[in-house]
Amino acid sequence: MSKDAYKNYKEDFLLLLEAGFIAVNSADEDSAIKLFKAAEVLKPESTFPKVGFGYMHLCKLELKQAMKILKEVLDKEPDNEMAKTFLGICMTLVPSEVTAGEKSLEALSHSSDSSIKKLADAAIEFAEKFVKKSSSPVSPQHSKQKRT
């Protein structure tokens, strides 16, 4: 491939990333993987394709894999708010990590990036409503409710 052709494709990096996120949201894992890998080829130094892979695992509720990838991103780029937000969401879905996840998201709810702020706020609200306060079918609280 000529340098000019490579340069033209390099300009498509963000389009490939966006298409990868759209593929994840459409539950098209095969396309998402191909798009994120193509973005990695164009800019191997960028952490954004890894964030995309972390997001894909989060959406599939493969929380250990998601957290591993997102922590790798944050080791390389500690100020990556998108990775921090997705990691915080993962943590709120793991019973032993809920409090730490909420603290992380709480810090992000003051972000200057409105998208990060909205996502962090929504994740905190979700954790409060459904993760921390919900009772499972086998919990004592749930059993008492059934008997009365």
C-alpha atoms as a PDB file:
ATOM      1  CA  MET A   1       0.000   0.000   0.000  1.00  0.00           C
ATOM      2  CA  SER A   2       1.352   3.422  -0.882  1.00  0.00           C
ATOM      3  CA  LYS A   3       1.943   6.043   1.794  1.00  0.00           C
ATOM      4  CA  ASP A   4      -0.818   8.223   0.311  1.00  0.00           C
ATOM      5  CA  ALA A   5      -3.354   5.391   0.435  1.00  0.00           C
ATOM      6  CA  TYR A   6      -2.375   4.633   4.041  1.00  0.00           C
ATOM      7  CA  LYS A   7      -2.766   8.323   4.893  1.00  0.00           C
ATOM      8  CA  ASN A   8      -6.276   8.317   3.410  1.00  0.00           C
ATOM      9  CA  TYR A   9      -7.256   5.330   5.511  1.00  0.00           C
ATOM     10  CA  LYS A  10      -5.652   6.815   8.607  1.00  0.00           C
ATOM     11  CA  GLU A  11      -8.154   9.645   8.348  1.00  0.00           C
ATOM     12  CA  ASP A  12     -10.927   7.033   8.728  1.00  0.00           C
ATOM     13  CA  PHE A  13      -9.747   6.027  12.211  1.00  0.00           C
ATOM     14  CA  LEU A  14     -12.591   7.809  14.013  1.00  0.00           C
ATOM     15  CA  LEU A  15     -15.169   6.478  11.559  1.00  0.00           C
ATOM     16  CA  LEU A  16     -13.992   2.931  12.203  1.00  0.00           C
ATOM     17  CA  LEU A  17     -14.209   3.479  15.949  1.00  0.00           C
ATOM     18  CA  GLU A  18     -17.691   4.977  15.749  1.00  0.00           C
ATOM     19  CA  ALA A  19     -18.848   2.157  13.491  1.00  0.00           C
ATOM     20  CA  GLY A  20     -17.412  -0.319  16.015  1.00  0.00           C
ATOM     21  CA  PHE A  21     -19.432   1.215  18.844  1.00  0.00           C
ATOM     22  CA  ILE A  22     -22.542   1.166  16.649  1.00  0.00           C
ATOM     23  CA  ALA A  23     -21.896  -2.504  15.864  1.00  0.00           C
ATOM     24  CA  VAL A  24     -21.623  -3.253  19.606  1.00  0.00           C
ATOM     25  CA  ASN A  25     -24.913  -1.453  20.226  1.00  0.00           C
ATOM     26  CA  SER A  26     -26.468  -3.482  17.407  1.00  0.00           C
ATOM     27  CA  ALA A  27     -25.178  -6.735  18.967  1.00  0.00           C
ATOM     28  CA  ASP A  28     -23.002  -7.366  15.910  1.00  0.00           C
ATOM     29  CA  GLU A  29     -19.907  -8.612  17.711  1.00  0.00           C
ATOM     30  CA  ASP A  30     -18.179  -9.909  14.589  1.00  0.00           C
ATOM     31  CA  SER A  31     -18.330  -6.507  12.888  1.00  0.00           C
ATOM     32  CA  ALA A  32     -17.356  -4.695  16.073  1.00  0.00           C
ATOM     33  CA  ILE A  33     -14.233  -6.821  16.466  1.00  0.00           C
ATOM     34  CA  LYS A  34     -13.231  -6.259  12.838  1.00  0.00           C
ATOM     35  CA  LEU A  35     -13.814  -2.504  13.058  1.00  0.00           C
ATOM     36  CA  PHE A  36     -11.888  -2.085  16.326  1.00  0.00           C
ATOM     37  CA  LYS A  37      -9.016  -4.209  14.977  1.00  0.00           C
ATOM     38  CA  ALA A  38      -8.924  -2.122  11.790  1.00  0.00           C
ATOM     39  CA  ALA A  39      -8.732   1.024  13.927  1.00  0.00           C
ATOM     40  CA  GLU A  40      -5.855  -0.553  15.913  1.00  0.00           C
ATOM     41  CA  VAL A  41      -3.974  -1.178  12.668  1.00  0.00           C
ATOM     42  CA  LEU A  42      -4.350   2.452  11.641  1.00  0.00           C
ATOM     43  CA  LYS A  43      -3.313   3.877  15.031  1.00  0.00           C
ATOM     44  CA  PRO A  44      -1.662   1.207  17.179  1.00  0.00           C
ATOM     45  CA  GLU A  45      -0.696   3.837  19.747  1.00  0.00           C
ATOM     46  CA  SER A  46      -4.332   4.809  20.435  1.00  0.00           C
ATOM     47  CA  THR A  47      -6.182   3.382  23.424  1.00  0.00           C
ATOM     48  CA  PHE A  48      -9.626   4.007  21.930  1.00  0.00           C
ATOM     49  CA  PRO A  49      -9.936   0.639  20.152  1.00  0.00           C
ATOM     50  CA  LYS A  50      -9.175  -1.067  23.488  1.00  0.00           C
ATOM     51  CA  VAL A  51     -11.878   1.044  25.126  1.00  0.00           C
ATOM     52  CA  GLY A  52     -14.190  -0.242  22.396  1.00  0.00           C
ATOM     53  CA  PHE A  53     -13.278  -3.841  23.224  1.00  0.00           C
ATOM     54  CA  GLY A  54     -13.869  -3.107  26.913  1.00  0.00           C
ATOM     55  CA  TYR A  55     -17.262  -1.626  26.079  1.00  0.00           C
ATOM     56  CA  MET A  56     -18.120  -4.702  23.999  1.00  0.00           C
ATOM     57  CA  HIS A  57     -17.341  -6.989  26.943  1.00  0.00           C
ATOM     58  CA  LEU A  58     -19.314  -4.720  29.287  1.00  0.00           C
ATOM     59  CA  CYS A  59     -22.363  -4.925  27.022  1.00  0.00           C
ATOM     60  CA  LYS A  60     -22.065  -8.715  27.032  1.00  0.00           C
ATOM     61  CA  LEU A  61     -21.743  -8.604  30.852  1.00  0.00           C
ATOM     62  CA  GLU A  62     -18.312 -10.205  30.598  1.00  0.00           C
ATOM     63  CA  LEU A  63     -17.241  -7.979  33.442  1.00  0.00           C
ATOM     64  CA  LYS A  64     -13.869  -9.561  34.271  1.00  0.00           C
ATOM     65  CA  GLN A  65     -12.696  -9.230  30.665  1.00  0.00           C
ATOM     66  CA  ALA A  66     -14.044  -5.692  30.415  1.00  0.00           C
ATOM     67  CA  MET A  67     -12.381  -4.614  33.647  1.00  0.00           C
ATOM     68  CA  LYS A  68      -9.043  -6.167  32.620  1.00  0.00           C
ATOM     69  CA  ILE A  69      -9.021  -4.301  29.293  1.00  0.00           C
ATOM     70  CA  LEU A  70     -10.158  -1.001  30.803  1.00  0.00           C
ATOM     71  CA  LYS A  71      -7.519  -1.210  33.545  1.00  0.00           C
ATOM     72  CA  GLU A  72      -4.872  -1.750  30.845  1.00  0.00           C
ATOM     73  CA  VAL A  73      -6.100   1.410  29.123  1.00  0.00           C
ATOM     74  CA  LEU A  74      -5.959   3.356  32.391  1.00  0.00           C
ATOM     75  CA  ASP A  75      -2.450   2.058  33.141  1.00  0.00           C
ATOM     76  CA  LYS A  76      -1.363   3.581  29.844  1.00  0.00           C
ATOM     77  CA  GLU A  77      -3.649   6.635  29.943  1.00  0.00           C
ATOM     78  CA  PRO A  78      -4.807   7.421  33.528  1.00  0.00           C
ATOM     79  CA  ASP A  79      -6.961  10.401  32.539  1.00  0.00           C
ATOM     80  CA  ASN A  80      -9.109   8.542  29.994  1.00  0.00           C
ATOM     81  CA  GLU A  81     -12.576   9.438  31.279  1.00  0.00           C
ATOM     82  CA  MET A  82     -14.381   7.066  28.929  1.00  0.00           C
ATOM     83  CA  ALA A  83     -12.365   4.103  30.223  1.00  0.00           C
ATOM     84  CA  LYS A  84     -12.886   5.290  33.818  1.00  0.00           C
ATOM     85  CA  THR A  85     -16.639   5.522  33.265  1.00  0.00           C
ATOM     86  CA  PHE A  86     -16.966   2.084  31.690  1.00  0.00           C
ATOM     87  CA  LEU A  87     -14.773   0.612  34.444  1.00  0.00           C
ATOM     88  CA  GLY A  88     -16.954   2.287  37.088  1.00  0.00           C
ATOM     89  CA  ILE A  89     -20.052   0.804  35.477  1.00  0.00           C
ATOM     90  CA  CYS A  90     -18.446  -2.657  35.475  1.00  0.00           C
ATOM     91  CA  MET A  91     -17.550  -2.270  39.120  1.00  0.00           C
ATOM     92  CA  THR A  92     -21.095  -1.314  40.130  1.00  0.00           C
ATOM     93  CA  LEU A  93     -22.289  -4.595  38.622  1.00  0.00           C
ATOM     94  CA  VAL A  94     -19.872  -6.686  40.710  1.00  0.00           C
ATOM     95  CA  PRO A  95     -21.248  -7.056  44.268  1.00  0.00           C
ATOM     96  CA  SER A  96     -17.852  -6.726  45.972  1.00  0.00           C
ATOM     97  CA  GLU A  97     -16.969  -3.641  43.883  1.00  0.00           C
ATOM     98  CA  VAL A  98     -20.233  -1.623  44.038  1.00  0.00           C
ATOM     99  CA  THR A  99     -19.004   0.998  46.509  1.00  0.00           C
ATOM    100  CA  ALA A 100     -15.694   1.548  44.714  1.00  0.00           C
ATOM    101  CA  GLY A 101     -17.537   1.776  41.386  1.00  0.00           C
ATOM    102  CA  GLU A 102     -19.930   4.373  42.748  1.00  0.00           C
ATOM    103  CA  LYS A 103     -17.055   6.456  44.129  1.00  0.00           C
ATOM    104  CA  SER A 104     -15.353   6.371  40.750  1.00  0.00           C
ATOM    105  CA  LEU A 105     -18.554   7.340  38.952  1.00  0.00           C
ATOM    106  CA  GLU A 106     -19.291  10.068  41.497  1.00  0.00           C
ATOM    107  CA  ALA A 107     -15.962  11.729  40.656  1.00  0.00           C
ATOM    108  CA  LEU A 108     -16.816  11.477  36.948  1.00  0.00           C
ATOM    109  CA  SER A 109     -20.257  13.012  37.476  1.00  0.00           C
ATOM    110  CA  HIS A 110     -18.431  16.348  37.777  1.00  0.00           C
ATOM    111  CA  SER A 111     -16.685  15.945  34.416  1.00  0.00           C
ATOM    112  CA  SER A 112     -16.575  18.865  32.013  1.00  0.00           C
ATOM    113  CA  ASP A 113     -17.596  16.406  29.265  1.00  0.00           C
ATOM    114  CA  SER A 114     -21.404  16.360  29.316  1.00  0.00           C
ATOM    115  CA  SER A 115     -21.609  12.847  27.831  1.00  0.00           C
ATOM    116  CA  ILE A 116     -19.360  11.431  30.554  1.00  0.00           C
ATOM    117  CA  LYS A 117     -21.333  13.319  33.214  1.00  0.00           C
ATOM    118  CA  LYS A 118     -24.691  11.972  31.943  1.00  0.00           C
ATOM    119  CA  LEU A 119     -23.406   8.417  31.692  1.00  0.00           C
ATOM    120  CA  ALA A 120     -21.863   8.510  35.175  1.00  0.00           C
ATOM    121  CA  ASP A 121     -25.052   9.979  36.674  1.00  0.00           C
ATOM    122  CA  ALA A 122     -27.223   7.363  34.955  1.00  0.00           C
ATOM    123  CA  ALA A 123     -24.936   4.543  36.125  1.00  0.00           C
ATOM    124  CA  ILE A 124     -25.037   5.805  39.729  1.00  0.00           C
ATOM    125  CA  GLU A 125     -28.839   6.004  39.598  1.00  0.00           C
ATOM    126  CA  PHE A 126     -29.027   2.481  38.149  1.00  0.00           C
ATOM    127  CA  ALA A 127     -26.745   1.104  40.864  1.00  0.00           C
ATOM    128  CA  GLU A 128     -28.824   2.779  43.577  1.00  0.00           C
ATOM    129  CA  LYS A 129     -32.155   1.536  42.192  1.00  0.00           C
ATOM    130  CA  PHE A 130     -31.324  -1.910  40.918  1.00  0.00           C
ATOM    131  CA  VAL A 131     -27.999  -3.152  42.241  1.00  0.00           C
ATOM    132  CA  LYS A 132     -27.785  -1.989  45.842  1.00  0.00           C
ATOM    133  CA  LYS A 133     -31.446  -1.963  46.855  1.00  0.00           C
ATOM    134  CA  SER A 134     -32.996  -4.776  44.870  1.00  0.00           C
ATOM    135  CA  SER A 135     -33.719  -8.055  46.517  1.00  0.00           C
ATOM    136  CA  SER A 136     -33.090 -11.334  44.806  1.00  0.00           C
ATOM    137  CA  PRO A 137     -35.638 -14.153  44.773  1.00  0.00           C
ATOM    138  CA  VAL A 138     -33.592 -16.011  47.412  1.00  0.00           C
ATOM    139  CA  SER A 139     -32.963 -13.098  49.758  1.00  0.00           C
ATOM    140  CA  PRO A 140     -34.707 -13.050  53.164  1.00  0.00           C
ATOM    141  CA  GLN A 141     -36.357  -9.727  52.358  1.00  0.00           C
ATOM    142  CA  HIS A 142     -37.915 -11.167  49.190  1.00  0.00           C
ATOM    143  CA  SER A 143     -39.201 -14.233  51.095  1.00  0.00           C
ATOM    144  CA  LYS A 144     -40.890 -12.046  53.709  1.00  0.00           C
ATOM    145  CA  GLN A 145     -42.621 -10.021  50.993  1.00  0.00           C
ATOM    146  CA  LYS A 146     -44.051 -13.191  49.435  1.00  0.00           C
ATOM    147  CA  ARG A 147     -45.476 -14.471  52.747  1.00  0.00           C
ATOM    148  CA  THR A 148     -47.378 -11.325  53.686  1.00  0.00           C
END
